[in-house]
Amino acid sequence: MNIVFDKPLKNSLTNYINSLKDDKSLLPQINSFYFDSTGTILSIELELEPNHEYNFTLPGSLYYTKGGYKLDDFIVKFRTGS
């Protein structure tokens, strides 16, 4: 999964994702999590099951522009096909 931002970002933690709900089954297995060299593309390698709903949030307090502005929380929700 790639998430593209319009401005370069910095990440204060390299491997941190919060679950949106207490049900941890909605949080996908994360194998890798990194920004590209430009700081605009966040790549997340996930292990997913078919026909399953997932959601997580990227906490805005951990991501900020090079000018020091923090982001709002970014919610990611999706469902895999069968």
C-alpha atoms as a PDB file:
ATOM      1  CA  MET A   1       0.000   0.000   0.000  1.00  0.00           C
ATOM      2  CA  ASN A   2       1.347   3.428  -0.918  1.00  0.00           C
ATOM      3  CA  ILE A   3       0.031   6.682   0.542  1.00  0.00           C
ATOM      4  CA  VAL A   4       1.129   9.784  -1.377  1.00  0.00           C
ATOM      5  CA  PHE A   5       1.403  13.218   0.278  1.00  0.00           C
ATOM      6  CA  ASP A   6       1.648  16.533  -1.568  1.00  0.00           C
ATOM      7  CA  LYS A   7       4.484  17.776   0.671  1.00  0.00           C
ATOM      8  CA  PRO A   8       7.495  15.997   2.144  1.00  0.00           C
ATOM      9  CA  LEU A   9       6.892  14.654   5.648  1.00  0.00           C
ATOM     10  CA  LYS A  10       9.009  13.545   8.535  1.00  0.00           C
ATOM     11  CA  ASN A  11       7.972  10.666  10.766  1.00  0.00           C
ATOM     12  CA  SER A  12       8.955  10.715  14.432  1.00  0.00           C
ATOM     13  CA  LEU A  13       8.576   6.921  14.721  1.00  0.00           C
ATOM     14  CA  THR A  14       9.457   4.512  11.940  1.00  0.00           C
ATOM     15  CA  ASN A  15       7.006   1.708  12.693  1.00  0.00           C
ATOM     16  CA  TYR A  16       3.910   2.952  14.530  1.00  0.00           C
ATOM     17  CA  ILE A  17       0.239   2.433  13.653  1.00  0.00           C
ATOM     18  CA  ASN A  18      -2.718   2.784  16.015  1.00  0.00           C
ATOM     19  CA  SER A  19      -5.777   0.560  15.875  1.00  0.00           C
ATOM     20  CA  LEU A  20      -9.030   2.518  15.431  1.00  0.00           C
ATOM     21  CA  LYS A  21     -11.044   0.030  17.436  1.00  0.00           C
ATOM     22  CA  ASP A  22     -10.354  -2.355  20.292  1.00  0.00           C
ATOM     23  CA  ASP A  23     -10.845  -5.271  17.897  1.00  0.00           C
ATOM     24  CA  LYS A  24      -7.240  -5.992  16.874  1.00  0.00           C
ATOM     25  CA  SER A  25      -8.469  -8.270  14.075  1.00  0.00           C
ATOM     26  CA  LEU A  26      -9.101  -5.059  12.099  1.00  0.00           C
ATOM     27  CA  LEU A  27      -5.421  -4.137  12.221  1.00  0.00           C
ATOM     28  CA  PRO A  28      -3.476  -5.744   9.350  1.00  0.00           C
ATOM     29  CA  GLN A  29      -0.150  -7.514   9.829  1.00  0.00           C
ATOM     30  CA  ILE A  30       2.523  -4.940   8.930  1.00  0.00           C
ATOM     31  CA  ASN A  31       5.762  -6.261   7.423  1.00  0.00           C
ATOM     32  CA  SER A  32       7.440  -2.947   6.573  1.00  0.00           C
ATOM     33  CA  PHE A  33       6.663   0.732   6.921  1.00  0.00           C
ATOM     34  CA  TYR A  34       8.844   3.475   5.414  1.00  0.00           C
ATOM     35  CA  PHE A  35       8.973   6.776   3.540  1.00  0.00           C
ATOM     36  CA  ASP A  36      10.745   7.052   0.197  1.00  0.00           C
ATOM     37  CA  SER A  37      13.745   9.372  -0.172  1.00  0.00           C
ATOM     38  CA  THR A  38      11.490  12.343  -1.098  1.00  0.00           C
ATOM     39  CA  GLY A  39       9.375  12.008   2.055  1.00  0.00           C
ATOM     40  CA  THR A  40       6.179  12.122  -0.015  1.00  0.00           C
ATOM     41  CA  ILE A  41       5.385   8.408  -0.425  1.00  0.00           C
ATOM     42  CA  LEU A  42       4.677   6.219   2.585  1.00  0.00           C
ATOM     43  CA  SER A  43       4.967   2.534   1.665  1.00  0.00           C
ATOM     44  CA  ILE A  44       3.339  -0.044   3.923  1.00  0.00           C
ATOM     45  CA  GLU A  45       3.766  -3.745   3.177  1.00  0.00           C
ATOM     46  CA  LEU A  46       0.813  -5.668   4.631  1.00  0.00           C
ATOM     47  CA  GLU A  47      -0.249  -9.294   4.968  1.00  0.00           C
ATOM     48  CA  LEU A  48      -3.969  -9.464   4.221  1.00  0.00           C
ATOM     49  CA  GLU A  49      -6.647 -12.132   4.326  1.00  0.00           C
ATOM     50  CA  PRO A  50      -9.355 -12.416   1.674  1.00  0.00           C
ATOM     51  CA  ASN A  51     -12.822 -11.024   2.402  1.00  0.00           C
ATOM     52  CA  HIS A  52     -11.665  -9.160   5.508  1.00  0.00           C
ATOM     53  CA  GLU A  53     -12.214  -5.609   6.759  1.00  0.00           C
ATOM     54  CA  TYR A  54      -9.228  -3.617   8.004  1.00  0.00           C
ATOM     55  CA  ASN A  55      -8.733  -0.170   9.459  1.00  0.00           C
ATOM     56  CA  PHE A  56      -6.016   1.767  11.197  1.00  0.00           C
ATOM     57  CA  THR A  57      -4.964   5.331  11.746  1.00  0.00           C
ATOM     58  CA  LEU A  58      -1.711   7.136  11.145  1.00  0.00           C
ATOM     59  CA  PRO A  59      -1.577   9.488  14.130  1.00  0.00           C
ATOM     60  CA  GLY A  60      -1.023  13.031  12.894  1.00  0.00           C
ATOM     61  CA  SER A  61       0.996  13.891  15.990  1.00  0.00           C
ATOM     62  CA  LEU A  62       3.769  11.627  14.683  1.00  0.00           C
ATOM     63  CA  TYR A  63       3.898  13.061  11.150  1.00  0.00           C
ATOM     64  CA  TYR A  64       4.866  16.609  10.339  1.00  0.00           C
ATOM     65  CA  THR A  65       6.022  18.723   7.425  1.00  0.00           C
ATOM     66  CA  LYS A  66       9.604  19.861   7.153  1.00  0.00           C
ATOM     67  CA  GLY A  67       8.278  23.265   8.285  1.00  0.00           C
ATOM     68  CA  GLY A  68       7.181  21.657  11.571  1.00  0.00           C
ATOM     69  CA  TYR A  69       3.401  21.483  10.980  1.00  0.00           C
ATOM     70  CA  LYS A  70       1.739  18.351  12.381  1.00  0.00           C
ATOM     71  CA  LEU A  71      -0.944  16.525  10.416  1.00  0.00           C
ATOM     72  CA  ASP A  72      -4.457  15.550  11.422  1.00  0.00           C
ATOM     73  CA  ASP A  73      -4.974  11.862  12.137  1.00  0.00           C
ATOM     74  CA  PHE A  74      -5.226   9.996   8.848  1.00  0.00           C
ATOM     75  CA  ILE A  75      -7.746   7.131   8.861  1.00  0.00           C
ATOM     76  CA  VAL A  76      -7.261   4.184   6.515  1.00  0.00           C
ATOM     77  CA  LYS A  77     -10.191   1.773   5.989  1.00  0.00           C
ATOM     78  CA  PHE A  78     -10.537  -0.932   3.357  1.00  0.00           C
ATOM     79  CA  ARG A  79     -11.940  -4.380   2.665  1.00  0.00           C
ATOM     80  CA  THR A  80     -10.253  -7.118   0.679  1.00  0.00           C
ATOM     81  CA  GLY A  81     -12.021  -9.108  -1.999  1.00  0.00           C
ATOM     82  CA  SER A  82     -12.603 -12.845  -1.867  1.00  0.00           C
END
